[in-house]
Protein backbone atom coordinates (compact mmCIF):
# COMPACT_ATOMS: atom_id res chain seq x y z
CA LEU A 1 3.61 -20.80 29.56
CA LEU A 2 5.93 -23.33 31.21
CA TYR A 3 3.52 -26.20 30.56
CA LYS A 4 3.27 -25.21 26.91
CA GLU A 5 7.05 -25.30 26.56
CA ILE A 6 7.20 -28.72 28.24
CA LEU A 7 4.55 -30.06 25.87
CA LEU A 8 6.33 -28.55 22.87
CA THR A 9 9.60 -30.15 24.00
CA TRP A 10 7.94 -33.57 24.17
CA LYS A 11 6.23 -32.92 20.83
CA ALA A 12 9.62 -32.11 19.28
CA GLY A 13 11.04 -35.33 20.70
CA LEU A 14 8.18 -37.42 19.36
CA GLN A 15 8.23 -35.76 15.95
CA SER A 16 11.96 -36.34 15.67
CA ILE A 17 11.76 -40.01 16.68
CA PHE A 18 8.72 -40.94 14.66
CA CYS A 19 8.72 -40.43 10.95
CA TRP A 20 6.12 -37.69 10.61
CA LYS A 21 5.94 -33.90 10.41
CA LYS A 22 3.39 -31.22 9.64
CA SER A 23 3.41 -30.16 6.02
CA PRO A 24 3.91 -26.38 5.70
CA GLU A 25 1.88 -26.19 2.47
CA GLU A 26 -1.19 -28.18 3.43
CA GLY A 27 -0.96 -28.20 7.21
CA ARG A 28 -1.45 -31.97 7.48
CA ILE A 29 0.83 -34.69 8.81
CA VAL A 30 3.08 -36.31 6.20
CA PRO A 31 5.85 -38.95 6.36
CA ALA A 32 9.37 -37.66 7.00
CA LYS A 33 12.85 -38.88 7.87
CA PRO A 34 13.64 -39.22 11.58
CA GLY A 35 15.78 -36.46 13.07
CA PHE A 36 15.72 -33.31 15.13
CA ALA A 37 16.61 -30.89 12.33
CA LYS A 38 13.22 -31.18 10.60
CA VAL A 39 11.23 -29.84 13.57
CA LYS A 40 13.45 -26.80 14.26
CA ALA A 41 11.92 -23.44 13.38
CA SER A 42 15.15 -22.45 11.60
CA ASN A 43 14.62 -25.38 9.21
CA GLY A 44 10.94 -24.73 8.56
CA GLY A 45 9.57 -26.75 11.48
CA GLY A 46 7.00 -25.51 13.91
CA ILE A 47 8.95 -25.65 17.18
CA ARG A 48 11.53 -23.21 18.55
CA ASP A 49 15.14 -24.32 18.21
CA ASP A 50 15.86 -24.14 21.96
CA LEU A 51 12.95 -26.50 22.72
CA VAL A 52 14.15 -28.95 20.08
CA ASP A 53 17.63 -28.88 21.61
CA ALA A 54 16.08 -29.50 25.03
CA ALA A 55 14.18 -32.50 23.63
CA MET A 56 17.38 -33.86 22.14
CA ARG A 57 19.20 -33.57 25.48
CA LEU A 58 16.24 -35.16 27.25
CA LEU A 59 16.20 -38.16 24.90
CA LEU A 60 19.97 -38.62 25.22
CA ILE A 61 19.45 -39.42 28.91
CA ILE A 62 17.78 -42.74 28.02
CA PRO A 63 20.93 -44.53 26.76
CA VAL A 64 22.93 -43.22 29.71
CA GLN A 65 20.35 -44.65 32.12
CA GLY A 66 20.68 -47.96 30.29
CA LEU A 67 24.28 -48.14 31.48
CA PHE A 68 23.05 -48.72 35.01
CA ILE A 69 21.08 -51.88 34.16
CA PRO A 70 24.16 -54.14 34.51
CA LEU A 71 24.78 -52.58 37.92
CA SER A 72 21.21 -52.92 39.19
CA ILE A 73 20.97 -56.65 38.41
CA PRO A 74 23.78 -57.71 40.78
CA TYR A 75 22.64 -55.16 43.34
CA SER A 76 19.17 -56.69 43.49
CA SER A 77 20.75 -60.16 43.65
CA ILE A 78 22.82 -59.08 46.63
CA LEU A 79 19.71 -57.85 48.41
CA THR A 80 17.95 -61.14 47.66
CA PHE A 81 20.39 -63.11 49.77
CA MET A 82 21.62 -60.36 52.13
CA LEU A 83 18.32 -59.80 53.91
CA PRO A 84 17.39 -63.45 54.61
CA GLN A 85 20.99 -64.31 55.50
CA SER A 86 21.15 -61.51 58.03
CA TYR A 87 18.18 -62.93 59.94
CA SER A 88 19.85 -66.33 60.28
CA MET A 89 23.15 -64.87 61.55
CA LYS A 90 23.96 -64.32 65.19
CA HIS A 91 24.80 -60.66 65.48
CA PRO A 92 23.82 -57.65 67.54
CA GLU A 93 20.29 -56.45 66.85
CA LEU A 94 21.57 -53.25 65.31
CA LEU A 95 23.37 -55.09 62.46
CA ASN A 96 20.42 -56.47 60.52
CA GLY A 97 19.94 -56.87 56.77
CA THR A 98 18.12 -53.60 56.39
CA LEU A 99 21.03 -51.70 57.92
CA MET A 100 23.49 -53.58 55.68
CA SER A 101 21.41 -52.61 52.64
CA THR A 102 21.30 -48.99 53.79
CA MET A 103 25.06 -48.96 54.36
CA MET A 104 25.54 -50.30 50.84
CA ASN A 105 23.58 -47.31 49.49
CA VAL A 106 25.48 -44.86 51.70
CA THR A 107 28.78 -46.37 50.58
CA THR A 108 27.72 -45.95 46.96
CA LEU A 109 27.05 -42.25 47.55
CA ILE A 110 30.34 -41.72 49.39
CA VAL A 111 32.38 -43.50 46.71
CA GLY A 112 30.61 -41.49 43.98
CA ILE A 113 31.35 -38.21 45.74
CA LEU A 114 34.99 -39.16 46.34
CA LEU A 115 35.47 -40.19 42.73
CA ASN A 116 33.94 -36.94 41.45
CA LYS A 117 35.85 -34.73 43.88
CA THR A 118 39.29 -36.38 43.80
CA PHE A 119 39.86 -39.11 41.21
CA TYR A 120 38.30 -37.58 38.10
CA PRO A 121 39.83 -34.11 38.69
CA TYR A 122 43.20 -35.83 39.15
CA LEU A 123 42.78 -37.53 35.78
CA GLU A 124 41.73 -34.23 34.17
CA ARG A 125 44.89 -32.55 35.51
CA LYS A 126 46.86 -35.33 33.80
CA ASN A 127 44.91 -34.61 30.55
CA ILE A 128 43.12 -37.96 30.67
CA SER A 129 39.53 -37.64 29.46
CA ILE A 130 37.08 -40.39 30.37
CA CYS A 131 33.72 -40.90 28.65
CA THR A 132 30.54 -41.62 30.60
CA THR A 133 30.57 -45.36 29.94
CA ARG A 134 34.06 -45.72 31.36
CA ARG A 135 33.14 -43.58 34.37
CA VAL A 136 30.29 -45.97 35.10
CA ALA A 137 32.66 -48.92 34.74
CA ILE A 138 35.21 -47.31 37.09
CA GLY A 139 32.48 -46.59 39.63
CA ALA A 140 31.27 -50.19 39.45
CA PHE A 141 34.84 -51.41 39.95
CA PHE A 142 35.28 -49.33 43.09
CA LEU A 143 31.97 -50.50 44.49
CA THR A 144 32.65 -54.22 44.11
């Protein structure tokens, strides 16, 4: 049953993105406007409303993940020179490029946790609401 719901969720997402739907009269696929409303059972579609809402939430993740592309480009550039540079430096054996890269990831996690536990609740207490794009920008600022 769970696999069927997962497949129906993806089907709802695909039907809403692409311009097609199943015709209720003839049972064949016909052109339609893009959108999630047409595939909901409450609007005459063939998929339960909760699965269509789940597909909509799932597809909204894609633009949010796109926000991290500007952060991953400099991060990979840092690794490109950090690892070779660390092997040419005179330092204790423990402080190599791999450890520096790992510490960069650990620092990212710590800063993210601190921002979510202290900074953003502080702003919410001051009635300052921040959208996701600005949160990503603030996080990138604190990490640089």
